[in-house]
Amino acid sequence: MHELSIVKDIFDTLEGHYGAKVEDIQKIQVTAGLLSNVQPVLIQNAFDAFILDNNGYMDMELEVVVNEIMAYCEHCQKNFPVLYHRFVCTCGQPSSTIVQGNELYISKVIFKQEK
């Protein structure tokens, strides 16, 4: 289950960037492209398992945003959505230039509001 190692990497990144303030995070948003081989439900399960073992993170939430696959057409010089894994532009030209869909990154971190 590679999702658990992804979640561990997310927390390593957050700890490296925010240090002790990581425990003040309320919500983490992760953006994953359809080609990133990340299943939102599996990464959510891995996240839930990770925070159970790390009590300081019990109040954190995870949101996974999934990006569709977009490619670039050299002929039309525009981006187009890849549907049903067909990398063919509406003009009929094939393309292998992916501009969106294989990414995986932390897109937003929301901290708890101080009372």
PDB file of N, CA and C in Angstrom:
ATOM      1  N   MET A   1       0.861  -1.194   0.000  1.00  0.00           N
ATOM      2  CA  MET A   1       0.000   0.000   0.000  1.00  0.00           C
ATOM      3  C   MET A   1       0.891   1.236   0.000  1.00  0.00           C
ATOM      4  N   HIS A   2       1.128   1.800  -1.175  1.00  0.00           N
ATOM      5  CA  HIS A   2       2.023   2.944  -1.274  1.00  0.00           C
ATOM      6  C   HIS A   2       1.396   4.227  -0.739  1.00  0.00           C
ATOM      7  N   GLU A   3       0.098   4.231  -0.520  1.00  0.00           N
ATOM      8  CA  GLU A   3      -0.562   5.421   0.016  1.00  0.00           C
ATOM      9  C   GLU A   3      -0.054   5.776   1.411  1.00  0.00           C
ATOM     10  N   LEU A   4       0.262   4.756   2.223  1.00  0.00           N
ATOM     11  CA  LEU A   4       0.784   5.022   3.566  1.00  0.00           C
ATOM     12  C   LEU A   4       2.132   5.747   3.489  1.00  0.00           C
ATOM     13  N   SER A   5       2.984   5.356   2.553  1.00  0.00           N
ATOM     14  CA  SER A   5       4.263   6.052   2.408  1.00  0.00           C
ATOM     15  C   SER A   5       4.056   7.467   1.862  1.00  0.00           C
ATOM     16  N   ILE A   6       3.028   7.666   1.043  1.00  0.00           N
ATOM     17  CA  ILE A   6       2.715   9.014   0.561  1.00  0.00           C
ATOM     18  C   ILE A   6       2.273   9.896   1.724  1.00  0.00           C
ATOM     19  N   VAL A   7       1.413   9.363   2.586  1.00  0.00           N
ATOM     20  CA  VAL A   7       0.950  10.122   3.751  1.00  0.00           C
ATOM     21  C   VAL A   7       2.129  10.448   4.674  1.00  0.00           C
ATOM     22  N   LYS A   8       3.008   9.486   4.876  1.00  0.00           N
ATOM     23  CA  LYS A   8       4.209   9.732   5.705  1.00  0.00           C
ATOM     24  C   LYS A   8       5.060  10.835   5.084  1.00  0.00           C
ATOM     25  N   ASP A   9       5.213  10.810   3.758  1.00  0.00           N
ATOM     26  CA  ASP A   9       5.974  11.861   3.070  1.00  0.00           C
ATOM     27  C   ASP A   9       5.300  13.227   3.213  1.00  0.00           C
ATOM     28  N   ILE A  10       3.970  13.245   3.183  1.00  0.00           N
ATOM     29  CA  ILE A  10       3.243  14.502   3.373  1.00  0.00           C
ATOM     30  C   ILE A  10       3.561  15.082   4.754  1.00  0.00           C
ATOM     31  N   PHE A  11       3.506  14.239   5.783  1.00  0.00           N
ATOM     32  CA  PHE A  11       3.786  14.723   7.134  1.00  0.00           C
ATOM     33  C   PHE A  11       5.256  15.093   7.309  1.00  0.00           C
ATOM     34  N   ASP A  12       6.163  14.361   6.670  1.00  0.00           N
ATOM     35  CA  ASP A  12       7.582  14.737   6.714  1.00  0.00           C
ATOM     36  C   ASP A  12       7.793  16.122   6.092  1.00  0.00           C
ATOM     37  N   THR A  13       7.108  16.372   4.985  1.00  0.00           N
ATOM     38  CA  THR A  13       7.201  17.672   4.318  1.00  0.00           C
ATOM     39  C   THR A  13       6.642  18.777   5.205  1.00  0.00           C
ATOM     40  N   LEU A  14       5.479  18.533   5.795  1.00  0.00           N
ATOM     41  CA  LEU A  14       4.864  19.529   6.673  1.00  0.00           C
ATOM     42  C   LEU A  14       5.735  19.807   7.897  1.00  0.00           C
ATOM     43  N   GLU A  15       6.270  18.752   8.498  1.00  0.00           N
ATOM     44  CA  GLU A  15       7.135  18.930   9.670  1.00  0.00           C
ATOM     45  C   GLU A  15       8.405  19.676   9.297  1.00  0.00           C
ATOM     46  N   GLY A  16       8.950  19.386   8.128  1.00  0.00           N
ATOM     47  CA  GLY A  16      10.147  20.084   7.678  1.00  0.00           C
ATOM     48  C   GLY A  16       9.895  21.557   7.420  1.00  0.00           C
ATOM     49  N   HIS A  17       8.708  21.867   6.959  1.00  0.00           N
ATOM     50  CA  HIS A  17       8.385  23.259   6.630  1.00  0.00           C
ATOM     51  C   HIS A  17       7.847  24.044   7.828  1.00  0.00           C
ATOM     52  N   TYR A  18       6.972  23.433   8.624  1.00  0.00           N
ATOM     53  CA  TYR A  18       6.306  24.144   9.706  1.00  0.00           C
ATOM     54  C   TYR A  18       6.821  23.808  11.098  1.00  0.00           C
ATOM     55  N   GLY A  19       7.633  22.771  11.231  1.00  0.00           N
ATOM     56  CA  GLY A  19       8.172  22.389  12.526  1.00  0.00           C
ATOM     57  C   GLY A  19       7.079  22.017  13.517  1.00  0.00           C
ATOM     58  N   ALA A  20       7.168  22.568  14.723  1.00  0.00           N
ATOM     59  CA  ALA A  20       6.224  22.246  15.798  1.00  0.00           C
ATOM     60  C   ALA A  20       4.811  22.750  15.511  1.00  0.00           C
ATOM     61  N   LYS A  21       4.665  23.692  14.571  1.00  0.00           N
ATOM     62  CA  LYS A  21       3.340  24.227  14.253  1.00  0.00           C
ATOM     63  C   LYS A  21       2.462  23.222  13.500  1.00  0.00           C
ATOM     64  N   VAL A  22       3.027  22.086  13.113  1.00  0.00           N
ATOM     65  CA  VAL A  22       2.255  21.065  12.387  1.00  0.00           C
ATOM     66  C   VAL A  22       1.031  20.646  13.176  1.00  0.00           C
ATOM     67  N   GLU A  23       1.142  20.589  14.479  1.00  0.00           N
ATOM     68  CA  GLU A  23       0.012  20.170  15.312  1.00  0.00           C
ATOM     69  C   GLU A  23      -1.118  21.198  15.312  1.00  0.00           C
ATOM     70  N   ASP A  24      -0.852  22.409  14.794  1.00  0.00           N
ATOM     71  CA  ASP A  24      -1.879  23.453  14.712  1.00  0.00           C
ATOM     72  C   ASP A  24      -2.626  23.416  13.380  1.00  0.00           C
ATOM     73  N   ILE A  25      -2.296  22.459  12.526  1.00  0.00           N
ATOM     74  CA  ILE A  25      -2.957  22.360  11.229  1.00  0.00           C
ATOM     75  C   ILE A  25      -4.334  21.721  11.405  1.00  0.00           C
ATOM     76  N   GLN A  26      -5.319  22.352  10.806  1.00  0.00           N
ATOM     77  CA  GLN A  26      -6.692  21.852  10.858  1.00  0.00           C
ATOM     78  C   GLN A  26      -6.998  20.984   9.643  1.00  0.00           C
ATOM     79  N   LYS A  27      -6.525  21.423   8.467  1.00  0.00           N
ATOM     80  CA  LYS A  27      -6.881  20.715   7.237  1.00  0.00           C
ATOM     81  C   LYS A  27      -5.723  20.767   6.244  1.00  0.00           C
ATOM     82  N   ILE A  28      -5.538  19.636   5.574  1.00  0.00           N
ATOM     83  CA  ILE A  28      -4.537  19.526   4.519  1.00  0.00           C
ATOM     84  C   ILE A  28      -5.288  19.188   3.234  1.00  0.00           C
ATOM     85  N   GLN A  29      -4.978  19.927   2.193  1.00  0.00           N
ATOM     86  CA  GLN A  29      -5.549  19.612   0.885  1.00  0.00           C
ATOM     87  C   GLN A  29      -4.422  19.097  -0.013  1.00  0.00           C
ATOM     88  N   VAL A  30      -4.655  17.957  -0.623  1.00  0.00           N
ATOM     89  CA  VAL A  30      -3.690  17.356  -1.532  1.00  0.00           C
ATOM     90  C   VAL A  30      -4.333  17.283  -2.908  1.00  0.00           C
ATOM     91  N   THR A  31      -3.589  17.703  -3.925  1.00  0.00           N
ATOM     92  CA  THR A  31      -4.071  17.621  -5.296  1.00  0.00           C
ATOM     93  C   THR A  31      -3.369  16.460  -5.980  1.00  0.00           C
ATOM     94  N   ALA A  32      -4.159  15.581  -6.585  1.00  0.00           N
ATOM     95  CA  ALA A  32      -3.629  14.401  -7.266  1.00  0.00           C
ATOM     96  C   ALA A  32      -4.236  14.314  -8.660  1.00  0.00           C
ATOM     97  N   GLY A  33      -3.383  14.163  -9.642  1.00  0.00           N
ATOM     98  CA  GLY A  33      -3.865  13.974 -11.006  1.00  0.00           C
ATOM     99  C   GLY A  33      -4.322  12.539 -11.209  1.00  0.00           C
ATOM    100  N   LEU A  34      -5.194  12.343 -12.181  1.00  0.00           N
ATOM    101  CA  LEU A  34      -5.706  11.004 -12.460  1.00  0.00           C
ATOM    102  C   LEU A  34      -4.596  10.019 -12.833  1.00  0.00           C
ATOM    103  N   LEU A  35      -3.484  10.517 -13.363  1.00  0.00           N
ATOM    104  CA  LEU A  35      -2.375   9.639 -13.741  1.00  0.00           C
ATOM    105  C   LEU A  35      -1.372   9.419 -12.610  1.00  0.00           C
ATOM    106  N   SER A  36      -1.610  10.012 -11.453  1.00  0.00           N
ATOM    107  CA  SER A  36      -0.658   9.902 -10.340  1.00  0.00           C
ATOM    108  C   SER A  36      -0.734   8.570  -9.616  1.00  0.00           C
ATOM    109  N   ASN A  37      -1.696   7.753  -9.975  1.00  0.00           N
ATOM    110  CA  ASN A  37      -1.861   6.434  -9.373  1.00  0.00           C
ATOM    111  C   ASN A  37      -2.204   6.512  -7.880  1.00  0.00           C
ATOM    112  N   VAL A  38      -2.947   7.558  -7.519  1.00  0.00           N
ATOM    113  CA  VAL A  38      -3.392   7.735  -6.140  1.00  0.00           C
ATOM    114  C   VAL A  38      -4.909   7.636  -6.122  1.00  0.00           C
ATOM    115  N   GLN A  39      -5.414   6.734  -5.309  1.00  0.00           N
ATOM    116  CA  GLN A  39      -6.853   6.569  -5.140  1.00  0.00           C
ATOM    117  C   GLN A  39      -7.288   7.381  -3.916  1.00  0.00           C
ATOM    118  N   PRO A  40      -8.184   8.362  -4.093  1.00  0.00           N
ATOM    119  CA  PRO A  40      -8.586   9.202  -2.958  1.00  0.00           C
ATOM    120  C   PRO A  40      -9.050   8.415  -1.734  1.00  0.00           C
ATOM    121  N   VAL A  41      -9.844   7.375  -1.914  1.00  0.00           N
ATOM    122  CA  VAL A  41     -10.343   6.617  -0.768  1.00  0.00           C
ATOM    123  C   VAL A  41      -9.197   5.889  -0.059  1.00  0.00           C
ATOM    124  N   LEU A  42      -8.221   5.399  -0.808  1.00  0.00           N
ATOM    125  CA  LEU A  42      -7.091   4.697  -0.195  1.00  0.00           C
ATOM    126  C   LEU A  42      -6.163   5.651   0.538  1.00  0.00           C
ATOM    127  N   ILE A  43      -5.956   6.834  -0.029  1.00  0.00           N
ATOM    128  CA  ILE A  43      -5.096   7.801   0.668  1.00  0.00           C
ATOM    129  C   ILE A  43      -5.809   8.323   1.920  1.00  0.00           C
ATOM    130  N   GLN A  44      -7.137   8.441   1.870  1.00  0.00           N
ATOM    131  CA  GLN A  44      -7.892   8.843   3.058  1.00  0.00           C
ATOM    132  C   GLN A  44      -7.776   7.774   4.145  1.00  0.00           C
ATOM    133  N   ASN A  45      -7.878   6.511   3.769  1.00  0.00           N
ATOM    134  CA  ASN A  45      -7.719   5.415   4.742  1.00  0.00           C
ATOM    135  C   ASN A  45      -6.315   5.411   5.336  1.00  0.00           C
ATOM    136  N   ALA A  46      -5.308   5.643   4.504  1.00  0.00           N
ATOM    137  CA  ALA A  46      -3.928   5.688   5.002  1.00  0.00           C
ATOM    138  C   ALA A  46      -3.737   6.875   5.943  1.00  0.00           C
ATOM    139  N   PHE A  47      -4.346   8.010   5.607  1.00  0.00           N
ATOM    140  CA  PHE A  47      -4.285   9.194   6.457  1.00  0.00           C
ATOM    141  C   PHE A  47      -4.924   8.907   7.811  1.00  0.00           C
ATOM    142  N   ASP A  48      -6.108   8.291   7.792  1.00  0.00           N
ATOM    143  CA  ASP A  48      -6.809   7.958   9.041  1.00  0.00           C
ATOM    144  C   ASP A  48      -5.976   7.008   9.905  1.00  0.00           C
ATOM    145  N   ALA A  49      -5.337   6.035   9.282  1.00  0.00           N
ATOM    146  CA  ALA A  49      -4.488   5.093  10.022  1.00  0.00           C
ATOM    147  C   ALA A  49      -3.270   5.809  10.610  1.00  0.00           C
ATOM    148  N   PHE A  50      -2.696   6.728   9.828  1.00  0.00           N
ATOM    149  CA  PHE A  50      -1.508   7.456  10.295  1.00  0.00           C
ATOM    150  C   PHE A  50      -1.830   8.321  11.508  1.00  0.00           C
ATOM    151  N   ILE A  51      -2.956   9.058  11.463  1.00  0.00           N
ATOM    152  CA  ILE A  51      -3.260   9.946  12.583  1.00  0.00           C
ATOM    153  C   ILE A  51      -3.691   9.172  13.828  1.00  0.00           C
ATOM    154  N   LEU A  52      -4.191   7.953  13.655  1.00  0.00           N
ATOM    155  CA  LEU A  52      -4.498   7.125  14.821  1.00  0.00           C
ATOM    156  C   LEU A  52      -3.227   6.775  15.590  1.00  0.00           C
ATOM    157  N   ASP A  53      -2.136   6.583  14.858  1.00  0.00           N
ATOM    158  CA  ASP A  53      -0.857   6.259  15.485  1.00  0.00           C
ATOM    159  C   ASP A  53      -0.096   7.487  15.957  1.00  0.00           C
ATOM    160  N   ASN A  54      -0.558   8.675  15.593  1.00  0.00           N
ATOM    161  CA  ASN A  54       0.114   9.925  15.950  1.00  0.00           C
ATOM    162  C   ASN A  54      -0.922  10.869  16.557  1.00  0.00           C
ATOM    163  N   ASN A  55      -1.106  10.750  17.849  1.00  0.00           N
ATOM    164  CA  ASN A  55      -2.180  11.454  18.553  1.00  0.00           C
ATOM    165  C   ASN A  55      -2.171  12.969  18.382  1.00  0.00           C
ATOM    166  N   GLY A  56      -1.022  13.557  18.117  1.00  0.00           N
ATOM    167  CA  GLY A  56      -0.952  15.012  17.957  1.00  0.00           C
ATOM    168  C   GLY A  56      -1.684  15.515  16.732  1.00  0.00           C
ATOM    169  N   TYR A  57      -2.034  14.611  15.838  1.00  0.00           N
ATOM    170  CA  TYR A  57      -2.679  15.003  14.584  1.00  0.00           C
ATOM    171  C   TYR A  57      -4.155  14.617  14.522  1.00  0.00           C
ATOM    172  N   MET A  58      -4.733  14.210  15.632  1.00  0.00           N
ATOM    173  CA  MET A  58      -6.094  13.660  15.655  1.00  0.00           C
ATOM    174  C   MET A  58      -7.158  14.601  15.098  1.00  0.00           C
ATOM    175  N   ASP A  59      -6.968  15.909  15.213  1.00  0.00           N
ATOM    176  CA  ASP A  59      -7.985  16.865  14.765  1.00  0.00           C
ATOM    177  C   ASP A  59      -7.833  17.276  13.306  1.00  0.00           C
ATOM    178  N   MET A  60      -6.845  16.739  12.619  1.00  0.00           N
ATOM    179  CA  MET A  60      -6.598  17.123  11.229  1.00  0.00           C
ATOM    180  C   MET A  60      -7.545  16.431  10.273  1.00  0.00           C
ATOM    181  N   GLU A  61      -7.835  17.144   9.195  1.00  0.00           N
ATOM    182  CA  GLU A  61      -8.652  16.596   8.117  1.00  0.00           C
ATOM    183  C   GLU A  61      -7.808  16.549   6.845  1.00  0.00           C
ATOM    184  N   LEU A  62      -8.176  15.657   5.963  1.00  0.00           N
ATOM    185  CA  LEU A  62      -7.529  15.571   4.658  1.00  0.00           C
ATOM    186  C   LEU A  62      -8.589  15.705   3.577  1.00  0.00           C
ATOM    187  N   GLU A  63      -8.288  16.513   2.582  1.00  0.00           N
ATOM    188  CA  GLU A  63      -9.142  16.631   1.402  1.00  0.00           C
ATOM    189  C   GLU A  63      -8.281  16.315   0.187  1.00  0.00           C
ATOM    190  N   VAL A  64      -8.750  15.432  -0.661  1.00  0.00           N
ATOM    191  CA  VAL A  64      -8.029  15.084  -1.877  1.00  0.00           C
ATOM    192  C   VAL A  64      -8.798  15.646  -3.065  1.00  0.00           C
ATOM    193  N   VAL A  65      -8.136  16.509  -3.818  1.00  0.00           N
ATOM    194  CA  VAL A  65      -8.709  17.087  -5.025  1.00  0.00           C
ATOM    195  C   VAL A  65      -8.097  16.340  -6.206  1.00  0.00           C
ATOM    196  N   VAL A  66      -8.941  15.854  -7.099  1.00  0.00           N
ATOM    197  CA  VAL A  66      -8.459  15.084  -8.241  1.00  0.00           C
ATOM    198  C   VAL A  66      -8.516  15.959  -9.500  1.00  0.00           C
ATOM    199  N   ASN A  67      -7.366  16.077 -10.164  1.00  0.00           N
ATOM    200  CA  ASN A  67      -7.286  16.826 -11.420  1.00  0.00           C
ATOM    201  C   ASN A  67      -7.483  15.897 -12.604  1.00  0.00           C
ATOM    202  N   GLU A  68      -8.236  16.362 -13.579  1.00  0.00           N
ATOM    203  CA  GLU A  68      -8.407  15.587 -14.803  1.00  0.00           C
ATOM    204  C   GLU A  68      -7.117  15.632 -15.626  1.00  0.00           C
ATOM    205  N   ILE A  69      -7.056  14.811 -16.634  1.00  0.00           N
ATOM    206  CA  ILE A  69      -5.883  14.759 -17.504  1.00  0.00           C
ATOM    207  C   ILE A  69      -6.068  15.773 -18.632  1.00  0.00           C
ATOM    208  N   MET A  70      -5.063  16.611 -18.800  1.00  0.00           N
ATOM    209  CA  MET A  70      -5.051  17.589 -19.885  1.00  0.00           C
ATOM    210  C   MET A  70      -3.781  17.377 -20.704  1.00  0.00           C
ATOM    211  N   ALA A  71      -3.915  17.491 -22.012  1.00  0.00           N
ATOM    212  CA  ALA A  71      -2.768  17.366 -22.910  1.00  0.00           C
ATOM    213  C   ALA A  71      -2.714  18.609 -23.791  1.00  0.00           C
ATOM    214  N   TYR A  72      -1.568  18.778 -24.461  1.00  0.00           N
ATOM    215  CA  TYR A  72      -1.365  19.930 -25.339  1.00  0.00           C
ATOM    216  C   TYR A  72      -1.279  19.459 -26.781  1.00  0.00           C
ATOM    217  N   CYS A  73      -2.018  20.110 -27.651  1.00  0.00           N
ATOM    218  CA  CYS A  73      -2.016  19.775 -29.076  1.00  0.00           C
ATOM    219  C   CYS A  73      -1.070  20.734 -29.806  1.00  0.00           C
ATOM    220  N   GLU A  74      -0.031  20.175 -30.403  1.00  0.00           N
ATOM    221  CA  GLU A  74       0.930  20.982 -31.169  1.00  0.00           C
ATOM    222  C   GLU A  74       0.258  21.603 -32.397  1.00  0.00           C
ATOM    223  N   HIS A  75      -0.680  20.887 -32.981  1.00  0.00           N
ATOM    224  CA  HIS A  75      -1.355  21.359 -34.194  1.00  0.00           C
ATOM    225  C   HIS A  75      -2.237  22.577 -33.902  1.00  0.00           C
ATOM    226  N   CYS A  76      -3.088  22.473 -32.879  1.00  0.00           N
ATOM    227  CA  CYS A  76      -4.004  23.567 -32.507  1.00  0.00           C
ATOM    228  C   CYS A  76      -3.359  24.590 -31.571  1.00  0.00           C
ATOM    229  N   GLN A  77      -2.275  24.181 -30.940  1.00  0.00           N
ATOM    230  CA  GLN A  77      -1.588  24.981 -29.921  1.00  0.00           C
ATOM    231  C   GLN A  77      -2.539  25.352 -28.776  1.00  0.00           C
ATOM    232  N   LYS A  78      -3.260  24.320 -28.299  1.00  0.00           N
ATOM    233  CA  LYS A  78      -4.144  24.520 -27.157  1.00  0.00           C
ATOM    234  C   LYS A  78      -4.191  23.243 -26.326  1.00  0.00           C
ATOM    235  N   ASN A  79      -4.628  23.404 -25.077  1.00  0.00           N
ATOM    236  CA  ASN A  79      -4.812  22.263 -24.186  1.00  0.00           C
ATOM    237  C   ASN A  79      -6.174  21.636 -24.435  1.00  0.00           C
ATOM    238  N   PHE A  80      -6.255  20.328 -24.232  1.00  0.00           N
ATOM    239  CA  PHE A  80      -7.530  19.637 -24.379  1.00  0.00           C
ATOM    240  C   PHE A  80      -7.646  18.549 -23.317  1.00  0.00           C
ATOM    241  N   PRO A  81      -8.883  18.252 -22.877  1.00  0.00           N
ATOM    242  CA  PRO A  81      -9.058  17.183 -21.881  1.00  0.00           C
ATOM    243  C   PRO A  81      -8.879  15.816 -22.524  1.00  0.00           C
ATOM    244  N   VAL A  82      -8.244  14.923 -21.785  1.00  0.00           N
ATOM    245  CA  VAL A  82      -8.071  13.542 -22.239  1.00  0.00           C
ATOM    246  C   VAL A  82      -9.221  12.736 -21.650  1.00  0.00           C
ATOM    247  N   LEU A  83     -10.040  12.204 -22.519  1.00  0.00           N
ATOM    248  CA  LEU A  83     -11.205  11.435 -22.076  1.00  0.00           C
ATOM    249  C   LEU A  83     -11.019   9.973 -22.432  1.00  0.00           C
ATOM    250  N   TYR A  84     -11.322   9.107 -21.491  1.00  0.00           N
ATOM    251  CA  TYR A  84     -11.214   7.657 -21.694  1.00  0.00           C
ATOM    252  C   TYR A  84      -9.808   7.250 -22.143  1.00  0.00           C
ATOM    253  N   HIS A  85      -8.813   7.964 -21.630  1.00  0.00           N
ATOM    254  CA  HIS A  85      -7.393   7.696 -21.924  1.00  0.00           C
ATOM    255  C   HIS A  85      -7.073   7.779 -23.417  1.00  0.00           C
ATOM    256  N   ARG A  86      -7.827   8.596 -24.139  1.00  0.00           N
ATOM    257  CA  ARG A  86      -7.558   8.844 -25.561  1.00  0.00           C
ATOM    258  C   ARG A  86      -6.882  10.198 -25.673  1.00  0.00           C
ATOM    259  N   PHE A  87      -5.603  10.168 -25.990  1.00  0.00           N
ATOM    260  CA  PHE A  87      -4.807  11.384 -26.107  1.00  0.00           C
ATOM    261  C   PHE A  87      -4.926  11.940 -27.524  1.00  0.00           C
ATOM    262  N   VAL A  88      -6.160  12.254 -27.910  1.00  0.00           N
ATOM    263  CA  VAL A  88      -6.439  12.771 -29.247  1.00  0.00           C
ATOM    264  C   VAL A  88      -7.241  14.059 -29.096  1.00  0.00           C
ATOM    265  N   CYS A  89      -6.730  15.108 -29.720  1.00  0.00           N
ATOM    266  CA  CYS A  89      -7.380  16.417 -29.666  1.00  0.00           C
ATOM    267  C   CYS A  89      -8.691  16.383 -30.452  1.00  0.00           C
ATOM    268  N   THR A  90      -9.520  17.392 -30.241  1.00  0.00           N
ATOM    269  CA  THR A  90     -10.768  17.502 -30.994  1.00  0.00           C
ATOM    270  C   THR A  90     -10.512  17.688 -32.490  1.00  0.00           C
ATOM    271  N   CYS A  91      -9.310  18.152 -32.854  1.00  0.00           N
ATOM    272  CA  CYS A  91      -8.964  18.304 -34.269  1.00  0.00           C
ATOM    273  C   CYS A  91      -8.551  16.973 -34.902  1.00  0.00           C
ATOM    274  N   GLY A  92      -8.417  15.924 -34.058  1.00  0.00           N
ATOM    275  CA  GLY A  92      -8.064  14.600 -34.556  1.00  0.00           C
ATOM    276  C   GLY A  92      -6.594  14.238 -34.441  1.00  0.00           C
ATOM    277  N   GLN A  93      -5.766  15.183 -34.015  1.00  0.00           N
ATOM    278  CA  GLN A  93      -4.332  14.935 -33.892  1.00  0.00           C
ATOM    279  C   GLN A  93      -4.001  14.306 -32.540  1.00  0.00           C
ATOM    280  N   PRO A  94      -3.165  13.267 -32.543  1.00  0.00           N
ATOM    281  CA  PRO A  94      -2.744  12.668 -31.265  1.00  0.00           C
ATOM    282  C   PRO A  94      -1.688  13.547 -30.588  1.00  0.00           C
ATOM    283  N   SER A  95      -1.594  13.398 -29.280  1.00  0.00           N
ATOM    284  CA  SER A  95      -0.603  14.149 -28.521  1.00  0.00           C
ATOM    285  C   SER A  95      -0.126  13.321 -27.342  1.00  0.00           C
ATOM    286  N   SER A  96       1.146  13.448 -27.025  1.00  0.00           N
ATOM    287  CA  SER A  96       1.695  12.778 -25.846  1.00  0.00           C
ATOM    288  C   SER A  96       2.225  13.796 -24.836  1.00  0.00           C
ATOM    289  N   THR A  97       1.890  15.064 -25.035  1.00  0.00           N
ATOM    290  CA  THR A  97       2.358  16.124 -24.153  1.00  0.00           C
ATOM    291  C   THR A  97       1.328  16.356 -23.048  1.00  0.00           C
ATOM    292  N   ILE A  98       1.597  15.810 -21.882  1.00  0.00           N
ATOM    293  CA  ILE A  98       0.690  15.944 -20.737  1.00  0.00           C
ATOM    294  C   ILE A  98       1.010  17.242 -20.004  1.00  0.00           C
ATOM    295  N   VAL A  99      -0.005  18.072 -19.804  1.00  0.00           N
ATOM    296  CA  VAL A  99       0.195  19.326 -19.072  1.00  0.00           C
ATOM    297  C   VAL A  99      -0.457  19.301 -17.686  1.00  0.00           C
ATOM    298  N   GLN A 100      -1.323  18.328 -17.455  1.00  0.00           N
ATOM    299  CA  GLN A 100      -1.957  18.169 -16.150  1.00  0.00           C
ATOM    300  C   GLN A 100      -2.452  16.745 -16.025  1.00  0.00           C
ATOM    301  N   GLY A 101      -2.324  16.206 -14.803  1.00  0.00           N
ATOM    302  CA  GLY A 101      -2.884  14.885 -14.560  1.00  0.00           C
ATOM    303  C   GLY A 101      -1.939  13.911 -13.904  1.00  0.00           C
ATOM    304  N   ASN A 102      -0.636  14.225 -13.876  1.00  0.00           N
ATOM    305  CA  ASN A 102       0.305  13.311 -13.230  1.00  0.00           C
ATOM    306  C   ASN A 102       0.898  13.903 -11.955  1.00  0.00           C
ATOM    307  N   GLU A 103       0.324  14.992 -11.478  1.00  0.00           N
ATOM    308  CA  GLU A 103       0.854  15.683 -10.305  1.00  0.00           C
ATOM    309  C   GLU A 103       0.329  15.086  -8.997  1.00  0.00           C
ATOM    310  N   LEU A 104       1.105  15.336  -7.957  1.00  0.00           N
ATOM    311  CA  LEU A 104       0.708  14.978  -6.596  1.00  0.00           C
ATOM    312  C   LEU A 104       1.424  15.951  -5.677  1.00  0.00           C
ATOM    313  N   TYR A 105       0.663  16.843  -5.043  1.00  0.00           N
ATOM    314  CA  TYR A 105       1.292  17.852  -4.196  1.00  0.00           C
ATOM    315  C   TYR A 105       0.332  18.343  -3.120  1.00  0.00           C
ATOM    316  N   ILE A 106       0.910  18.948  -2.092  1.00  0.00           N
ATOM    317  CA  ILE A 106       0.130  19.591  -1.039  1.00  0.00           C
ATOM    318  C   ILE A 106      -0.298  20.941  -1.598  1.00  0.00           C
ATOM    319  N   SER A 107      -1.594  21.132  -1.787  1.00  0.00           N
ATOM    320  CA  SER A 107      -2.065  22.355  -2.426  1.00  0.00           C
ATOM    321  C   SER A 107      -2.559  23.415  -1.440  1.00  0.00           C
ATOM    322  N   LYS A 108      -2.908  22.987  -0.221  1.00  0.00           N
ATOM    323  CA  LYS A 108      -3.387  23.958   0.758  1.00  0.00           C
ATOM    324  C   LYS A 108      -3.197  23.409   2.165  1.00  0.00           C
ATOM    325  N   VAL A 109      -2.830  24.305   3.069  1.00  0.00           N
ATOM    326  CA  VAL A 109      -2.716  23.968   4.489  1.00  0.00           C
ATOM    327  C   VAL A 109      -3.501  25.025   5.253  1.00  0.00           C
ATOM    328  N   ILE A 110      -4.473  24.587   6.032  1.00  0.00           N
ATOM    329  CA  ILE A 110      -5.295  25.509   6.820  1.00  0.00           C
ATOM    330  C   ILE A 110      -5.003  25.268   8.299  1.00  0.00           C
ATOM    331  N   PHE A 111      -4.678  26.347   8.993  1.00  0.00           N
ATOM    332  CA  PHE A 111      -4.381  26.242  10.417  1.00  0.00           C
ATOM    333  C   PHE A 111      -5.617  26.538  11.256  1.00  0.00           C
ATOM    334  N   LYS A 112      -5.636  25.980  12.464  1.00  0.00           N
ATOM    335  CA  LYS A 112      -6.718  26.241  13.410  1.00  0.00           C
ATOM    336  C   LYS A 112      -6.739  27.725  13.751  1.00  0.00           C
ATOM    337  N   GLN A 113      -7.937  28.262  13.959  1.00  0.00           N
ATOM    338  CA  GLN A 113      -8.078  29.643  14.352  1.00  0.00           C
ATOM    339  C   GLN A 113      -7.819  29.763  15.848  1.00  0.00           C
ATOM    340  N   GLU A 114      -7.033  30.756  16.214  1.00  0.00           N
ATOM    341  CA  GLU A 114      -6.780  30.977  17.641  1.00  0.00           C
ATOM    342  C   GLU A 114      -8.017  31.571  18.274  1.00  0.00           C
ATOM    343  N   LYS A 115      -8.285  31.123  19.506  1.00  0.00           N
ATOM    344  CA  LYS A 115      -9.484  31.603  20.222  1.00  0.00           C
ATOM    345  C   LYS A 115      -9.161  32.782  21.073  1.00  0.00           C
TER     346      LYS A 115
END
